[in-house]
Structure formats: C-alpha cells, structure tokens
N, C-alpha and C. Protein backbone atom coordinates (compact mmCIF):
# COMPACT_ATOMS: atom_id res chain seq x y z
N MET A 1 -18.14 13.63 -9.83
CA MET A 1 -19.12 11.71 -11.30
C MET A 1 -17.45 11.61 -11.36
N THR A 2 -17.08 10.26 -11.13
CA THR A 2 -15.90 9.58 -12.08
C THR A 2 -16.53 8.34 -12.86
N ARG A 3 -15.02 8.65 -13.84
CA ARG A 3 -15.51 6.74 -14.48
C ARG A 3 -14.75 5.65 -13.82
N HIS A 4 -15.09 4.19 -13.34
CA HIS A 4 -14.38 3.77 -13.33
C HIS A 4 -14.46 2.41 -13.76
N ARG A 5 -13.45 1.49 -14.95
CA ARG A 5 -13.62 0.95 -15.66
C ARG A 5 -12.93 -0.46 -14.33
N VAL A 6 -13.79 -1.50 -15.11
CA VAL A 6 -14.68 -2.69 -14.18
C VAL A 6 -14.52 -3.13 -14.78
N ASP A 7 -13.23 -5.14 -14.87
CA ASP A 7 -14.00 -5.19 -15.78
C ASP A 7 -14.33 -5.30 -16.91
N GLY A 8 -13.36 -4.12 -18.18
CA GLY A 8 -13.81 -3.92 -19.20
C GLY A 8 -15.07 -3.18 -20.01
N ALA A 9 -16.32 -3.18 -18.31
CA ALA A 9 -16.95 -1.82 -18.88
C ALA A 9 -16.32 -0.95 -17.68
N GLU A 10 -17.59 1.05 -18.00
CA GLU A 10 -17.00 1.66 -17.04
C GLU A 10 -18.60 2.42 -16.33
N TYR A 11 -17.96 2.60 -15.23
CA TYR A 11 -19.78 2.44 -14.80
C TYR A 11 -19.26 4.64 -13.90
N GLU A 12 -20.63 5.19 -13.79
CA GLU A 12 -20.39 5.86 -13.55
C GLU A 12 -20.02 6.24 -11.55
N VAL A 13 -19.71 6.75 -11.44
CA VAL A 13 -19.45 6.93 -9.10
C VAL A 13 -19.35 8.07 -8.84
N THR A 14 -20.12 8.91 -7.88
CA THR A 14 -20.02 9.62 -7.52
C THR A 14 -19.23 9.56 -5.93
N ILE A 15 -18.41 9.75 -5.23
CA ILE A 15 -17.36 9.73 -4.30
C ILE A 15 -17.48 11.28 -3.00
N GLY A 16 -18.25 11.09 -1.89
CA GLY A 16 -18.23 12.64 -1.44
C GLY A 16 -18.32 12.35 0.21
N GLY A 17 -19.11 13.44 1.45
CA GLY A 17 -18.71 13.46 2.60
C GLY A 17 -17.40 12.83 2.67
N ASP A 18 -17.48 12.56 4.28
CA ASP A 18 -16.84 12.23 5.29
C ASP A 18 -16.62 11.35 6.26
N GLY A 19 -15.82 10.32 6.32
CA GLY A 19 -16.25 9.01 7.78
C GLY A 19 -16.33 7.50 6.78
N PRO A 20 -16.84 6.44 7.74
CA PRO A 20 -16.20 5.29 6.90
C PRO A 20 -16.90 5.52 5.74
N PRO A 21 -16.41 4.33 4.66
CA PRO A 21 -17.26 4.43 3.49
C PRO A 21 -19.07 3.44 3.60
N LEU A 22 -19.70 4.29 2.48
CA LEU A 22 -20.52 4.20 2.46
C LEU A 22 -21.59 3.91 1.23
N LEU A 23 -21.42 1.77 0.32
CA LEU A 23 -22.06 1.94 -0.53
C LEU A 23 -23.07 2.17 -1.00
N LEU A 24 -23.30 3.08 -2.05
CA LEU A 24 -24.50 3.30 -2.02
C LEU A 24 -25.39 2.82 -3.44
N ILE A 25 -26.45 1.48 -3.39
CA ILE A 25 -26.82 1.19 -5.27
C ILE A 25 -28.52 1.63 -5.50
N HIS A 26 -29.05 1.52 -6.37
CA HIS A 26 -29.45 2.48 -6.89
C HIS A 26 -30.76 0.76 -7.43
N GLY A 27 -32.09 1.45 -7.56
CA GLY A 27 -33.21 0.37 -7.50
C GLY A 27 -33.12 -0.25 -8.61
N PHE A 28 -34.24 -0.80 -9.06
CA PHE A 28 -34.63 -1.01 -10.44
C PHE A 28 -34.74 0.12 -11.66
N THR A 29 -34.77 0.22 -12.57
CA THR A 29 -34.26 1.24 -13.75
C THR A 29 -33.71 2.61 -12.73
N GLY A 30 -33.59 2.90 -11.63
CA GLY A 30 -32.73 3.92 -10.94
C GLY A 30 -30.90 4.28 -11.68
N SER A 31 -30.61 4.96 -10.41
CA SER A 31 -29.74 5.51 -10.91
C SER A 31 -29.35 6.01 -9.53
N SER A 32 -27.51 6.62 -9.50
CA SER A 32 -27.09 7.22 -8.31
C SER A 32 -27.75 8.72 -8.13
N ALA A 33 -28.59 9.18 -9.33
CA ALA A 33 -29.00 10.24 -9.14
C ALA A 33 -30.01 10.35 -8.42
N ASP A 34 -30.56 9.55 -7.14
CA ASP A 34 -31.69 8.47 -6.77
C ASP A 34 -32.10 9.09 -5.40
N TRP A 35 -30.22 9.18 -4.85
CA TRP A 35 -29.90 9.20 -4.09
C TRP A 35 -28.81 11.14 -2.83
N GLY A 36 -29.41 11.85 -4.90
CA GLY A 36 -29.16 12.48 -4.39
C GLY A 36 -29.67 13.25 -3.41
N PRO A 37 -30.88 13.43 -2.63
CA PRO A 37 -31.46 13.49 -2.01
C PRO A 37 -31.15 14.24 0.17
N LEU A 38 -30.15 12.52 -0.15
CA LEU A 38 -30.43 12.16 0.95
C LEU A 38 -28.66 12.59 1.12
N LEU A 39 -27.60 12.67 -0.02
CA LEU A 39 -26.43 12.74 0.26
C LEU A 39 -25.22 14.09 1.34
N ALA A 40 -26.22 14.85 1.18
CA ALA A 40 -25.88 16.57 2.82
C ALA A 40 -25.88 15.85 3.61
N GLU A 41 -27.42 14.78 4.03
CA GLU A 41 -26.77 14.09 5.16
C GLU A 41 -26.45 12.77 5.48
N LEU A 42 -25.71 12.64 4.73
CA LEU A 42 -25.22 11.37 4.77
C LEU A 42 -24.37 11.74 5.04
N GLY A 43 -23.86 12.75 3.60
CA GLY A 43 -22.54 12.93 3.72
C GLY A 43 -21.95 13.49 5.17
N GLY A 44 -22.47 13.97 5.94
CA GLY A 44 -21.68 14.42 7.85
C GLY A 44 -21.35 13.01 7.96
N VAL A 45 -21.98 11.75 7.55
CA VAL A 45 -21.38 11.19 8.78
C VAL A 45 -20.60 9.65 7.95
N ALA A 46 -21.07 10.12 6.04
CA ALA A 46 -20.06 8.78 5.63
C ALA A 46 -18.89 9.01 4.58
N MET A 47 -18.41 8.40 4.27
CA MET A 47 -18.29 8.62 3.35
C MET A 47 -18.86 7.37 1.98
N THR A 48 -20.14 8.21 1.63
CA THR A 48 -20.80 8.77 -0.07
C THR A 48 -20.14 7.85 -1.41
N VAL A 49 -20.56 6.80 -1.79
CA VAL A 49 -19.88 6.03 -3.21
C VAL A 49 -21.11 5.28 -3.11
N SER A 50 -22.18 6.36 -4.58
CA SER A 50 -23.41 5.50 -5.00
C SER A 50 -23.08 4.97 -6.41
N VAL A 51 -22.56 4.27 -7.41
CA VAL A 51 -22.40 3.73 -8.24
C VAL A 51 -23.69 3.95 -9.27
N ASP A 52 -23.68 3.98 -10.30
CA ASP A 52 -24.53 3.81 -11.28
C ASP A 52 -24.84 2.67 -11.88
N LEU A 53 -25.67 1.40 -11.52
CA LEU A 53 -25.14 0.31 -11.89
C LEU A 53 -25.20 -0.43 -13.81
N LEU A 54 -24.22 -1.10 -14.23
CA LEU A 54 -24.71 -0.98 -15.96
C LEU A 54 -25.90 -0.64 -16.25
N GLY A 55 -25.53 0.25 -17.32
CA GLY A 55 -27.26 -0.26 -18.00
C GLY A 55 -27.70 0.77 -17.55
N HIS A 56 -27.18 1.51 -16.20
CA HIS A 56 -28.19 2.54 -16.02
C HIS A 56 -27.24 4.04 -15.58
N GLY A 57 -28.41 5.44 -15.74
CA GLY A 57 -27.77 6.96 -15.83
C GLY A 57 -25.78 6.41 -16.45
N GLY A 58 -25.29 7.34 -16.39
CA GLY A 58 -24.22 7.82 -16.75
C GLY A 58 -23.03 6.18 -17.42
N SER A 59 -23.75 4.70 -15.85
CA SER A 59 -22.37 3.49 -16.46
C SER A 59 -22.73 3.72 -17.78
N GLU A 60 -21.65 2.08 -18.71
CA GLU A 60 -22.18 1.72 -19.65
C GLU A 60 -23.62 0.85 -19.96
N SER A 61 -23.36 0.20 -20.69
CA SER A 61 -24.68 -0.03 -21.63
C SER A 61 -24.51 -1.56 -22.22
N PRO A 62 -23.34 -2.11 -22.02
CA PRO A 62 -22.63 -3.18 -22.97
C PRO A 62 -23.02 -3.96 -23.48
N PRO A 63 -22.78 -4.56 -25.24
CA PRO A 63 -24.34 -5.45 -25.17
C PRO A 63 -24.36 -5.91 -25.04
N GLU A 64 -23.31 -6.89 -24.30
CA GLU A 64 -22.76 -8.26 -23.72
C GLU A 64 -22.74 -8.45 -22.49
N PRO A 65 -22.97 -7.75 -20.92
CA PRO A 65 -23.27 -7.20 -20.37
C PRO A 65 -22.96 -8.77 -19.08
N ALA A 66 -21.85 -9.95 -20.02
CA ALA A 66 -21.25 -10.45 -18.37
C ALA A 66 -19.99 -10.79 -18.71
C-alpha cells in the first residue's frame, strides 16, 4: 500500500499484478480490502490498482471534501 496526494487529499492505493491496468473502486461504506479475495486471480491478468475513496479505509477524511 502506498499513499498518494491528489488535490490536497491523501488516498491509500494498493497496486499489484502484471498486465494492463485495472482500476478497482469499492462500494459504499467499503474499502480496497473488499477486493482482497479476488486480487490473486486478477493479478495474473492485470495490474490491479485499488483505491480507498475519501473517508474510507486508509484514505483521509477531510472536513471539507470539495
């Protein structure tokens, strides 16, 4: 896991696998950990990029997300 700052907010990002990039976005109240059971299989065919959206998982929860 790494942290990336975008427009002043830090996001937790997990990158793995090999192949064309595949962006994985979790559902409401979830986190990138939701993809855990699938990462081994997906990592064999794609470079997976899973992101914790603001206020979820390891990403920041800024007081003013705008």
